[in-house]
Amino acid sequence: MWLIRCGIIGRNLAKKIVPYLNDFKKPILTFNDDNQIEENTCPCAFQIRYQGYKGVLMINNDDQDETIQVRPSMKKFTSTISTCLYVCDDGYSGPKLGFLIKQYIMLLSGLNISDEVFIKKQEEYFHEIISMCDDMNIAIKYSLYFDRIDLIYYLLSNNIQFIQSELQILQKKALESVEKLKIPITKSRLAFGVCDP
């Protein structure tokens, strides 16, 4: 996403916002290369609405900064009604499930990416789908991918048997995405392109 209206948000203030992202106090979970849950991370950009201002705030590297600086070009109207800072849905950079779809495969294939690369990705995906009901980390990963944050509590408390039927529904959903040649790419992100103010 490319946006030209950008301001700055202090890193310390941004860290305070993180727990409230993603549907109010549901944590932002990310995975490392071994599919283990990492600590919450702080996005580097936020798409915001604030008192008539609209645009993107980039992180200021000052760890102590708790301010927001907006550009005049971000102002759309004058308002003092609400002093709340709103972060738009999916309005922050960070890990987000991306998919490899037919059109991308065709483009990449045209750029001489070998079919073996795509076949390997698909085989990895099949293996994860099969393991989903038995492997807690994979179950958490796909719960996040399919927006089933509610299942994570049970998974983290090692109560995988309690939600076995829900995991089977996720497994079925994942298999349907394979039929459409829609392969999840786990190391993908929602990125914001901004002009450096």
N, C-alpha and C. Protein backbone atom coordinates (compact mmCIF):
# COMPACT_ATOMS: atom_id res chain seq x y z
N MET A 1 0.85 -1.17 0.00
CA MET A 1 0.00 0.00 0.00
C MET A 1 0.90 1.23 0.00
N TRP A 2 0.69 2.18 -0.89
CA TRP A 2 1.53 3.37 -0.99
C TRP A 2 0.71 4.59 -0.58
N LEU A 3 1.16 5.28 0.45
CA LEU A 3 0.46 6.46 0.94
C LEU A 3 1.45 7.61 1.05
N ILE A 4 1.03 8.81 0.65
CA ILE A 4 1.98 9.93 0.69
C ILE A 4 1.77 10.84 1.90
N ARG A 5 0.63 10.76 2.56
CA ARG A 5 0.40 11.58 3.74
C ARG A 5 0.97 10.84 4.95
N CYS A 6 2.08 11.30 5.47
CA CYS A 6 2.63 10.59 6.62
C CYS A 6 3.16 11.55 7.66
N GLY A 7 3.05 11.08 8.89
CA GLY A 7 3.57 11.81 10.03
C GLY A 7 4.47 10.88 10.82
N ILE A 8 4.68 11.23 12.08
CA ILE A 8 5.60 10.46 12.93
C ILE A 8 4.91 10.15 14.25
N ILE A 9 5.18 8.95 14.76
CA ILE A 9 4.72 8.57 16.09
C ILE A 9 5.94 8.10 16.88
N GLY A 10 6.01 8.52 18.15
CA GLY A 10 7.12 8.11 19.00
C GLY A 10 7.07 6.61 19.26
N ARG A 11 8.24 5.99 19.31
CA ARG A 11 8.32 4.54 19.51
C ARG A 11 7.65 4.12 20.82
N ASN A 12 7.84 4.88 21.88
CA ASN A 12 7.26 4.52 23.17
C ASN A 12 5.73 4.55 23.11
N LEU A 13 5.16 5.55 22.45
CA LEU A 13 3.71 5.62 22.29
C LEU A 13 3.22 4.48 21.40
N ALA A 14 3.96 4.18 20.35
CA ALA A 14 3.58 3.07 19.46
C ALA A 14 3.53 1.75 20.22
N LYS A 15 4.51 1.54 21.11
CA LYS A 15 4.52 0.31 21.91
C LYS A 15 3.29 0.22 22.82
N LYS A 16 2.81 1.38 23.27
CA LYS A 16 1.62 1.38 24.13
C LYS A 16 0.35 1.07 23.33
N ILE A 17 0.37 1.35 22.04
CA ILE A 17 -0.79 1.10 21.18
C ILE A 17 -0.90 -0.38 20.82
N VAL A 18 0.23 -1.06 20.70
CA VAL A 18 0.26 -2.45 20.21
C VAL A 18 -0.75 -3.37 20.90
N PRO A 19 -0.88 -3.37 22.23
CA PRO A 19 -1.83 -4.30 22.84
C PRO A 19 -3.29 -4.06 22.43
N TYR A 20 -3.59 -2.88 21.91
CA TYR A 20 -4.97 -2.57 21.54
C TYR A 20 -5.27 -2.82 20.07
N LEU A 21 -4.28 -3.22 19.32
CA LEU A 21 -4.49 -3.52 17.91
C LEU A 21 -5.16 -4.88 17.76
N ASN A 22 -5.64 -5.15 16.56
CA ASN A 22 -6.16 -6.48 16.24
C ASN A 22 -7.34 -6.85 17.12
N ASP A 23 -8.40 -6.08 17.04
CA ASP A 23 -9.66 -6.34 17.75
C ASP A 23 -9.56 -6.19 19.25
N PHE A 24 -9.00 -5.10 19.72
CA PHE A 24 -8.98 -4.73 21.12
C PHE A 24 -8.38 -5.79 22.04
N LYS A 25 -7.15 -5.60 22.35
CA LYS A 25 -6.40 -6.37 23.33
C LYS A 25 -6.12 -7.81 22.94
N LYS A 26 -6.48 -8.23 21.74
CA LYS A 26 -6.02 -9.55 21.30
C LYS A 26 -4.58 -9.35 20.86
N PRO A 27 -3.67 -10.17 21.35
CA PRO A 27 -2.26 -9.91 21.07
C PRO A 27 -1.90 -10.12 19.61
N ILE A 28 -0.89 -9.39 19.18
CA ILE A 28 -0.32 -9.64 17.86
C ILE A 28 0.71 -10.74 18.06
N LEU A 29 0.47 -11.87 17.44
CA LEU A 29 1.39 -12.99 17.57
C LEU A 29 2.16 -13.16 16.27
N THR A 30 3.44 -13.39 16.38
CA THR A 30 4.24 -13.68 15.20
C THR A 30 5.02 -14.96 15.49
N PHE A 31 5.45 -15.60 14.42
CA PHE A 31 6.19 -16.85 14.56
C PHE A 31 7.59 -16.68 14.02
N ASN A 32 8.54 -17.37 14.67
CA ASN A 32 9.90 -17.38 14.14
C ASN A 32 10.02 -18.50 13.11
N ASP A 33 11.23 -18.76 12.64
CA ASP A 33 11.44 -19.77 11.59
C ASP A 33 11.05 -21.17 12.02
N ASP A 34 11.03 -21.44 13.33
CA ASP A 34 10.68 -22.77 13.83
C ASP A 34 9.22 -22.86 14.25
N ASN A 35 8.40 -21.92 13.78
CA ASN A 35 6.97 -21.88 14.12
C ASN A 35 6.72 -21.71 15.61
N GLN A 36 7.67 -21.13 16.33
CA GLN A 36 7.48 -20.84 17.75
C GLN A 36 6.98 -19.41 17.88
N ILE A 37 6.10 -19.18 18.85
CA ILE A 37 5.54 -17.84 19.03
C ILE A 37 6.62 -16.90 19.55
N GLU A 38 6.71 -15.71 18.94
CA GLU A 38 7.65 -14.69 19.38
C GLU A 38 6.91 -13.66 20.22
N GLU A 39 7.68 -12.82 20.88
CA GLU A 39 7.10 -11.72 21.64
C GLU A 39 6.36 -10.77 20.71
N ASN A 40 5.43 -9.99 21.28
CA ASN A 40 4.74 -8.98 20.47
C ASN A 40 5.77 -8.06 19.83
N THR A 41 5.52 -7.70 18.60
CA THR A 41 6.42 -6.81 17.90
C THR A 41 5.70 -5.49 17.66
N CYS A 42 6.47 -4.45 17.47
CA CYS A 42 5.89 -3.13 17.24
C CYS A 42 5.92 -2.82 15.75
N PRO A 43 4.76 -2.53 15.16
CA PRO A 43 4.74 -2.16 13.74
C PRO A 43 5.58 -0.91 13.49
N CYS A 44 6.04 -0.75 12.26
CA CYS A 44 6.84 0.44 11.93
C CYS A 44 5.98 1.54 11.33
N ALA A 45 4.72 1.24 11.02
CA ALA A 45 3.81 2.26 10.47
C ALA A 45 2.38 1.93 10.87
N PHE A 46 1.58 2.98 11.06
CA PHE A 46 0.17 2.85 11.43
C PHE A 46 -0.67 3.73 10.51
N GLN A 47 -1.76 3.20 10.00
CA GLN A 47 -2.72 4.02 9.25
C GLN A 47 -3.75 4.50 10.27
N ILE A 48 -3.88 5.83 10.41
CA ILE A 48 -4.66 6.38 11.53
C ILE A 48 -5.75 7.36 11.07
N ARG A 49 -6.64 7.62 12.02
CA ARG A 49 -7.62 8.71 11.96
C ARG A 49 -7.54 9.40 13.32
N TYR A 50 -7.40 10.73 13.31
CA TYR A 50 -7.29 11.46 14.57
C TYR A 50 -7.74 12.90 14.38
N GLN A 51 -8.81 13.27 15.01
CA GLN A 51 -9.32 14.65 15.00
C GLN A 51 -9.28 15.30 13.62
N GLY A 52 -9.81 14.63 12.63
CA GLY A 52 -9.85 15.19 11.28
C GLY A 52 -8.61 14.92 10.46
N TYR A 53 -7.59 14.32 11.06
CA TYR A 53 -6.37 13.95 10.34
C TYR A 53 -6.49 12.51 9.86
N LYS A 54 -5.92 12.26 8.70
CA LYS A 54 -6.01 10.94 8.08
C LYS A 54 -4.68 10.67 7.39
N GLY A 55 -4.12 9.49 7.61
CA GLY A 55 -2.87 9.15 6.94
C GLY A 55 -2.10 8.09 7.68
N VAL A 56 -0.79 8.10 7.49
CA VAL A 56 0.09 7.09 8.09
C VAL A 56 1.10 7.77 9.00
N LEU A 57 1.35 7.13 10.15
CA LEU A 57 2.39 7.58 11.06
C LEU A 57 3.53 6.56 11.02
N MET A 58 4.75 7.05 10.82
CA MET A 58 5.93 6.18 10.86
C MET A 58 6.55 6.28 12.25
N ILE A 59 7.26 5.23 12.63
CA ILE A 59 7.93 5.21 13.93
C ILE A 59 9.13 6.15 13.95
N ASN A 60 9.22 6.93 15.03
CA ASN A 60 10.40 7.73 15.32
C ASN A 60 11.33 6.83 16.13
N ASN A 61 12.59 6.82 15.84
CA ASN A 61 13.52 5.91 16.52
C ASN A 61 13.84 6.28 17.96
N ASP A 62 13.36 7.42 18.44
CA ASP A 62 13.60 7.83 19.82
C ASP A 62 12.74 6.96 20.75
N ASP A 63 13.38 6.10 21.54
CA ASP A 63 12.66 5.17 22.41
C ASP A 63 11.83 5.86 23.49
N GLN A 64 12.15 7.09 23.84
CA GLN A 64 11.43 7.79 24.90
C GLN A 64 10.26 8.63 24.38
N ASP A 65 10.19 8.82 23.08
CA ASP A 65 9.20 9.72 22.48
C ASP A 65 7.78 9.16 22.61
N GLU A 66 6.87 9.99 23.12
CA GLU A 66 5.46 9.61 23.25
C GLU A 66 4.57 10.63 22.54
N THR A 67 5.05 11.18 21.44
CA THR A 67 4.27 12.20 20.73
C THR A 67 3.87 11.72 19.35
N ILE A 68 2.93 12.48 18.78
CA ILE A 68 2.51 12.28 17.40
C ILE A 68 2.77 13.59 16.67
N GLN A 69 3.37 13.51 15.50
CA GLN A 69 3.55 14.69 14.65
C GLN A 69 2.82 14.42 13.34
N VAL A 70 1.89 15.31 13.00
CA VAL A 70 1.14 15.13 11.75
C VAL A 70 1.52 16.24 10.77
N ARG A 71 1.38 15.97 9.49
CA ARG A 71 1.67 16.96 8.45
C ARG A 71 0.40 17.73 8.13
N PRO A 72 0.53 18.96 7.69
CA PRO A 72 -0.66 19.73 7.28
C PRO A 72 -1.46 19.02 6.19
N SER A 73 -0.78 18.29 5.30
CA SER A 73 -1.48 17.60 4.21
C SER A 73 -2.36 16.45 4.71
N MET A 74 -2.17 16.04 5.96
CA MET A 74 -2.98 14.95 6.52
C MET A 74 -4.34 15.45 7.01
N LYS A 75 -4.49 16.77 7.17
CA LYS A 75 -5.73 17.31 7.72
C LYS A 75 -6.81 17.34 6.65
N LYS A 76 -7.93 16.68 6.95
CA LYS A 76 -9.05 16.61 6.01
C LYS A 76 -10.20 17.51 6.46
N PHE A 77 -10.37 17.66 7.77
CA PHE A 77 -11.40 18.55 8.32
C PHE A 77 -11.02 18.87 9.76
N THR A 78 -11.65 19.88 10.33
CA THR A 78 -11.36 20.28 11.70
C THR A 78 -12.35 19.62 12.65
N SER A 79 -11.83 19.02 13.70
CA SER A 79 -12.68 18.35 14.68
C SER A 79 -11.99 18.33 16.03
N THR A 80 -12.75 18.55 17.06
CA THR A 80 -12.23 18.41 18.43
C THR A 80 -13.16 17.50 19.23
N ILE A 81 -14.06 16.82 18.54
CA ILE A 81 -15.06 15.98 19.21
C ILE A 81 -14.40 14.82 19.95
N SER A 82 -13.51 14.12 19.28
CA SER A 82 -12.90 12.94 19.88
C SER A 82 -11.40 13.14 19.99
N THR A 83 -10.86 12.77 21.14
CA THR A 83 -9.41 12.84 21.32
C THR A 83 -8.78 11.46 21.18
N CYS A 84 -9.55 10.50 20.67
CA CYS A 84 -9.05 9.13 20.48
C CYS A 84 -8.26 9.01 19.19
N LEU A 85 -7.20 8.25 19.26
CA LEU A 85 -6.42 7.91 18.07
C LEU A 85 -6.95 6.57 17.57
N TYR A 86 -7.42 6.54 16.34
CA TYR A 86 -7.95 5.32 15.76
C TYR A 86 -6.95 4.74 14.77
N VAL A 87 -6.67 3.45 14.91
CA VAL A 87 -5.84 2.74 13.95
C VAL A 87 -6.79 1.93 13.09
N CYS A 88 -6.72 2.11 11.78
CA CYS A 88 -7.63 1.43 10.85
C CYS A 88 -7.46 -0.09 10.92
N ASP A 89 -8.54 -0.81 10.58
CA ASP A 89 -8.45 -2.27 10.47
C ASP A 89 -7.34 -2.60 9.48
N ASP A 90 -6.50 -3.53 9.84
CA ASP A 90 -5.34 -3.89 9.02
C ASP A 90 -4.52 -2.65 8.68
N GLY A 91 -4.55 -1.65 9.56
CA GLY A 91 -3.86 -0.40 9.31
C GLY A 91 -2.52 -0.30 10.00
N TYR A 92 -1.81 -1.40 10.07
CA TYR A 92 -0.47 -1.36 10.64
C TYR A 92 0.38 -2.41 9.96
N SER A 93 1.64 -2.10 9.81
CA SER A 93 2.55 -3.03 9.15
C SER A 93 2.85 -4.18 10.10
N GLY A 94 3.04 -5.33 9.52
CA GLY A 94 3.37 -6.47 10.36
C GLY A 94 3.14 -7.77 9.64
N PRO A 95 3.49 -8.86 10.30
CA PRO A 95 3.29 -10.17 9.68
C PRO A 95 1.81 -10.39 9.38
N LYS A 96 1.53 -10.84 8.20
CA LYS A 96 0.15 -11.13 7.79
C LYS A 96 0.22 -12.21 6.74
N LEU A 97 -0.72 -13.10 6.82
CA LEU A 97 -0.72 -14.22 5.89
C LEU A 97 -0.92 -13.73 4.47
N GLY A 98 -0.02 -14.12 3.61
CA GLY A 98 -0.15 -13.86 2.18
C GLY A 98 -0.37 -15.18 1.47
N PHE A 99 -0.89 -15.13 0.28
CA PHE A 99 -1.17 -16.36 -0.45
C PHE A 99 -0.49 -16.33 -1.81
N LEU A 100 -0.01 -17.48 -2.21
CA LEU A 100 0.50 -17.69 -3.55
C LEU A 100 -0.67 -18.23 -4.35
N ILE A 101 -1.14 -17.46 -5.32
CA ILE A 101 -2.31 -17.85 -6.11
C ILE A 101 -1.90 -18.11 -7.56
N LYS A 102 -2.84 -18.66 -8.32
CA LYS A 102 -2.55 -19.05 -9.71
C LYS A 102 -1.87 -17.94 -10.50
N GLN A 103 -2.41 -16.72 -10.41
CA GLN A 103 -1.87 -15.61 -11.20
C GLN A 103 -0.40 -15.34 -10.84
N TYR A 104 -0.06 -15.37 -9.54
CA TYR A 104 1.32 -15.14 -9.14
C TYR A 104 2.23 -16.27 -9.59
N ILE A 105 1.72 -17.49 -9.50
CA ILE A 105 2.51 -18.64 -9.95
C ILE A 105 2.83 -18.50 -11.44
N MET A 106 1.82 -18.09 -12.22
CA MET A 106 2.04 -17.91 -13.66
C MET A 106 3.08 -16.82 -13.93
N LEU A 107 2.97 -15.70 -13.19
CA LEU A 107 3.94 -14.61 -13.36
C LEU A 107 5.35 -15.07 -12.99
N LEU A 108 5.47 -15.72 -11.84
CA LEU A 108 6.78 -16.17 -11.38
C LEU A 108 7.36 -17.24 -12.30
N SER A 109 6.48 -18.10 -12.80
CA SER A 109 6.92 -19.13 -13.75
C SER A 109 7.45 -18.47 -15.02
N GLY A 110 6.79 -17.40 -15.46
CA GLY A 110 7.24 -16.65 -16.62
C GLY A 110 8.58 -15.98 -16.40
N LEU A 111 8.95 -15.79 -15.11
CA LEU A 111 10.25 -15.21 -14.76
C LEU A 111 11.28 -16.31 -14.47
N ASN A 112 10.98 -17.51 -14.96
CA ASN A 112 11.89 -18.66 -14.86
C ASN A 112 12.07 -19.23 -13.46
N ILE A 113 11.09 -19.03 -12.58
CA ILE A 113 11.10 -19.73 -11.29
C ILE A 113 10.62 -21.15 -11.58
N SER A 114 11.39 -22.14 -11.16
CA SER A 114 11.09 -23.53 -11.54
C SER A 114 9.83 -24.04 -10.84
N ASP A 115 9.16 -24.97 -11.49
CA ASP A 115 7.94 -25.57 -10.93
C ASP A 115 8.23 -26.29 -9.62
N GLU A 116 9.46 -26.77 -9.44
CA GLU A 116 9.82 -27.48 -8.21
C GLU A 116 9.64 -26.59 -6.97
N VAL A 117 9.89 -25.30 -7.12
CA VAL A 117 9.72 -24.36 -6.00
C VAL A 117 8.26 -24.36 -5.55
N PHE A 118 7.34 -24.30 -6.49
CA PHE A 118 5.92 -24.26 -6.16
C PHE A 118 5.43 -25.61 -5.63
N ILE A 119 5.95 -26.68 -6.20
CA ILE A 119 5.57 -28.02 -5.74
C ILE A 119 6.04 -28.23 -4.31
N LYS A 120 7.26 -27.76 -4.00
CA LYS A 120 7.79 -27.88 -2.63
C LYS A 120 6.91 -27.11 -1.64
N LYS A 121 6.52 -25.88 -2.01
CA LYS A 121 5.64 -25.08 -1.15
C LYS A 121 4.32 -25.80 -0.90
N GLN A 122 3.77 -26.38 -1.96
CA GLN A 122 2.49 -27.08 -1.83
C GLN A 122 2.63 -28.33 -0.95
N GLU A 123 3.73 -29.05 -1.10
CA GLU A 123 3.96 -30.23 -0.27
C GLU A 123 4.10 -29.85 1.21
N GLU A 124 4.81 -28.74 1.48
CA GLU A 124 4.94 -28.26 2.86
C GLU A 124 3.57 -27.92 3.44
N TYR A 125 2.75 -27.28 2.63
CA TYR A 125 1.40 -26.91 3.05
C TYR A 125 0.57 -28.15 3.35
N PHE A 126 0.62 -29.16 2.48
CA PHE A 126 -0.11 -30.41 2.71
C PHE A 126 0.32 -31.04 4.04
N HIS A 127 1.63 -31.06 4.27
CA HIS A 127 2.14 -31.65 5.51
C HIS A 127 1.58 -30.92 6.73
N GLU A 128 1.55 -29.59 6.67
CA GLU A 128 1.02 -28.82 7.80
C GLU A 128 -0.47 -29.07 8.00
N ILE A 129 -1.21 -29.16 6.91
CA ILE A 129 -2.65 -29.42 7.03
C ILE A 129 -2.89 -30.75 7.72
N ILE A 130 -2.12 -31.76 7.33
CA ILE A 130 -2.27 -33.09 7.93
C ILE A 130 -1.91 -33.05 9.41
N SER A 131 -0.90 -32.26 9.79
CA SER A 131 -0.41 -32.19 11.18
C SER A 131 -1.23 -31.26 12.07
N MET A 132 -2.11 -30.48 11.48
CA MET A 132 -2.80 -29.41 12.21
C MET A 132 -3.52 -29.88 13.47
N CYS A 133 -4.17 -31.03 13.42
CA CYS A 133 -4.95 -31.49 14.57
C CYS A 133 -4.09 -32.12 15.67
N ASP A 134 -2.82 -32.35 15.39
CA ASP A 134 -1.93 -32.99 16.37
C ASP A 134 -0.81 -32.09 16.86
N ASP A 135 -0.47 -31.06 16.12
CA ASP A 135 0.66 -30.19 16.45
C ASP A 135 0.14 -28.83 16.89
N MET A 136 0.38 -28.49 18.17
CA MET A 136 -0.18 -27.26 18.73
C MET A 136 0.32 -26.01 17.99
N ASN A 137 1.61 -25.95 17.66
CA ASN A 137 2.14 -24.76 16.98
C ASN A 137 1.50 -24.55 15.62
N ILE A 138 1.31 -25.63 14.89
CA ILE A 138 0.67 -25.52 13.57
C ILE A 138 -0.80 -25.14 13.75
N ALA A 139 -1.45 -25.70 14.77
CA ALA A 139 -2.85 -25.35 15.04
C ALA A 139 -2.99 -23.86 15.38
N ILE A 140 -2.06 -23.33 16.17
CA ILE A 140 -2.08 -21.90 16.50
C ILE A 140 -1.87 -21.07 15.24
N LYS A 141 -0.92 -21.48 14.45
CA LYS A 141 -0.60 -20.76 13.21
C LYS A 141 -1.84 -20.64 12.31
N TYR A 142 -2.54 -21.74 12.10
CA TYR A 142 -3.70 -21.71 11.22
C TYR A 142 -4.92 -21.07 11.88
N SER A 143 -4.98 -21.11 13.20
CA SER A 143 -6.04 -20.37 13.90
C SER A 143 -5.89 -18.88 13.64
N LEU A 144 -4.65 -18.41 13.66
CA LEU A 144 -4.38 -17.00 13.34
C LEU A 144 -4.68 -16.70 11.89
N TYR A 145 -4.24 -17.57 10.98
CA TYR A 145 -4.43 -17.34 9.56
C TYR A 145 -5.90 -17.24 9.18
N PHE A 146 -6.72 -18.05 9.84
CA PHE A 146 -8.14 -18.05 9.50
C PHE A 146 -8.97 -17.25 10.51
N ASP A 147 -8.31 -16.30 11.19
CA ASP A 147 -8.98 -15.38 12.12
C ASP A 147 -9.80 -16.09 13.19
N ARG A 148 -9.25 -17.14 13.76
CA ARG A 148 -9.90 -17.85 14.86
C ARG A 148 -9.07 -17.67 16.13
N ILE A 149 -8.91 -16.41 16.53
CA ILE A 149 -8.15 -16.06 17.72
C ILE A 149 -8.74 -16.75 18.95
N ASP A 150 -10.05 -16.97 18.94
CA ASP A 150 -10.73 -17.59 20.08
C ASP A 150 -10.18 -18.99 20.41
N LEU A 151 -9.62 -19.67 19.44
CA LEU A 151 -9.11 -21.03 19.67
C LEU A 151 -7.75 -21.04 20.36
N ILE A 152 -7.05 -19.94 20.28
CA ILE A 152 -5.67 -19.91 20.78
C ILE A 152 -5.60 -20.12 22.29
N TYR A 153 -6.57 -19.61 23.04
CA TYR A 153 -6.58 -19.80 24.50
C TYR A 153 -6.53 -21.29 24.83
N TYR A 154 -7.37 -22.06 24.16
CA TYR A 154 -7.42 -23.51 24.42
C TYR A 154 -6.13 -24.19 23.99
N LEU A 155 -5.59 -23.74 22.89
CA LEU A 155 -4.34 -24.33 22.40
C LEU A 155 -3.18 -24.03 23.34
N LEU A 156 -3.11 -22.79 23.83
CA LEU A 156 -2.02 -22.42 24.73
C LEU A 156 -2.14 -23.12 26.08
N SER A 157 -3.36 -23.49 26.47
CA SER A 157 -3.53 -24.23 27.73
C SER A 157 -3.45 -25.74 27.49
N ASN A 158 -2.90 -26.11 26.33
CA ASN A 158 -2.72 -27.52 25.96
C ASN A 158 -4.02 -28.31 25.99
N ASN A 159 -5.12 -27.65 25.67
CA ASN A 159 -6.42 -28.31 25.66
C ASN A 159 -6.84 -28.56 24.22
N ILE A 160 -5.96 -29.18 23.46
CA ILE A 160 -6.19 -29.39 22.03
C ILE A 160 -7.37 -30.33 21.78
N GLN A 161 -7.59 -31.28 22.70
CA GLN A 161 -8.71 -32.23 22.52
C GLN A 161 -10.05 -31.52 22.60
N PHE A 162 -10.14 -30.48 23.44
CA PHE A 162 -11.39 -29.75 23.63
C PHE A 162 -11.88 -29.11 22.34
N ILE A 163 -10.97 -28.72 21.48
CA ILE A 163 -11.37 -28.01 20.26
C ILE A 163 -11.05 -28.80 19.00
N GLN A 164 -10.94 -30.10 19.15
CA GLN A 164 -10.60 -30.96 18.00
C GLN A 164 -11.56 -30.74 16.83
N SER A 165 -12.86 -30.62 17.10
CA SER A 165 -13.83 -30.44 16.00
C SER A 165 -13.62 -29.10 15.30
N GLU A 166 -13.25 -28.07 16.06
CA GLU A 166 -12.97 -26.76 15.46
C GLU A 166 -11.72 -26.82 14.58
N LEU A 167 -10.73 -27.56 15.04
CA LEU A 167 -9.51 -27.72 14.24
C LEU A 167 -9.80 -28.48 12.95
N GLN A 168 -10.71 -29.43 13.02
CA GLN A 168 -11.07 -30.18 11.81
C GLN A 168 -11.77 -29.26 10.80
N ILE A 169 -12.54 -28.29 11.30
CA ILE A 169 -13.17 -27.30 10.41
C ILE A 169 -12.08 -26.45 9.74
N LEU A 170 -11.08 -26.03 10.53
CA LEU A 170 -9.96 -25.27 9.95
C LEU A 170 -9.21 -26.11 8.92
N GLN A 171 -9.05 -27.37 9.23
CA GLN A 171 -8.36 -28.27 8.32
C GLN A 171 -9.11 -28.36 6.99
N LYS A 172 -10.43 -28.45 7.08
CA LYS A 172 -11.26 -28.51 5.87
C LYS A 172 -11.13 -27.21 5.06
N LYS A 173 -11.13 -26.07 5.77
CA LYS A 173 -10.96 -24.78 5.11
C LYS A 173 -9.62 -24.71 4.37
N ALA A 174 -8.59 -25.21 5.04
CA ALA A 174 -7.25 -25.20 4.44
C ALA A 174 -7.22 -26.08 3.19
N LEU A 175 -7.87 -27.22 3.25
CA LEU A 175 -7.92 -28.11 2.08
C LEU A 175 -8.66 -27.46 0.92
N GLU A 176 -9.73 -26.71 1.23
CA GLU A 176 -10.47 -26.00 0.18
C GLU A 176 -9.59 -24.97 -0.51
N SER A 177 -8.72 -24.31 0.27
CA SER A 177 -7.84 -23.31 -0.33
C SER A 177 -6.81 -23.97 -1.25
N VAL A 178 -6.45 -25.22 -0.95
CA VAL A 178 -5.52 -25.95 -1.81
C VAL A 178 -6.17 -26.25 -3.15
N GLU A 179 -7.46 -26.62 -3.11
CA GLU A 179 -8.18 -26.91 -4.35
C GLU A 179 -8.21 -25.70 -5.27
N LYS A 180 -8.20 -24.51 -4.69
CA LYS A 180 -8.21 -23.28 -5.49
C LYS A 180 -6.78 -22.83 -5.83
N LEU A 181 -5.81 -23.69 -5.52
CA LEU A 181 -4.39 -23.37 -5.70
C LEU A 181 -4.05 -22.05 -5.00
N LYS A 182 -4.41 -22.00 -3.73
CA LYS A 182 -4.15 -20.83 -2.89
C LYS A 182 -3.27 -21.31 -1.74
N ILE A 183 -1.98 -21.11 -1.88
CA ILE A 183 -1.01 -21.64 -0.93
C ILE A 183 -0.55 -20.51 0.00
N PRO A 184 -0.71 -20.69 1.33
CA PRO A 184 -0.28 -19.63 2.24
C PRO A 184 1.25 -19.51 2.26
N ILE A 185 1.70 -18.29 2.29
CA ILE A 185 3.13 -18.00 2.41
C ILE A 185 3.33 -17.39 3.79
N THR A 186 3.95 -18.15 4.66
CA THR A 186 4.01 -17.75 6.07
C THR A 186 4.91 -16.56 6.33
N LYS A 187 5.95 -16.41 5.56
CA LYS A 187 6.86 -15.28 5.79
C LYS A 187 6.44 -14.12 4.91
N SER A 188 5.23 -13.65 5.13
CA SER A 188 4.72 -12.51 4.35
C SER A 188 4.29 -11.42 5.31
N ARG A 189 4.17 -10.22 4.79
CA ARG A 189 3.85 -9.06 5.63
C ARG A 189 2.90 -8.13 4.90
N LEU A 190 2.16 -7.39 5.68
CA LEU A 190 1.43 -6.25 5.16
C LEU A 190 2.40 -5.08 5.24
N ALA A 191 2.71 -4.48 4.11
CA ALA A 191 3.72 -3.43 4.08
C ALA A 191 3.08 -2.10 3.68
N PHE A 192 3.58 -1.04 4.26
CA PHE A 192 3.16 0.31 3.91
C PHE A 192 4.36 1.04 3.34
N GLY A 193 4.18 1.63 2.17
CA GLY A 193 5.23 2.46 1.60
C GLY A 193 4.92 3.91 1.93
N VAL A 194 5.85 4.60 2.54
CA VAL A 194 5.62 5.99 2.92
C VAL A 194 6.78 6.85 2.46
N CYS A 195 6.49 8.13 2.23
CA CYS A 195 7.56 9.09 1.92
C CYS A 195 8.22 9.48 3.22
N ASP A 196 9.50 9.51 3.25
CA ASP A 196 10.24 9.87 4.46
C ASP A 196 10.06 11.36 4.72
N PRO A 197 9.37 11.71 5.82
CA PRO A 197 9.13 13.15 6.07
C PRO A 197 10.39 13.89 6.49
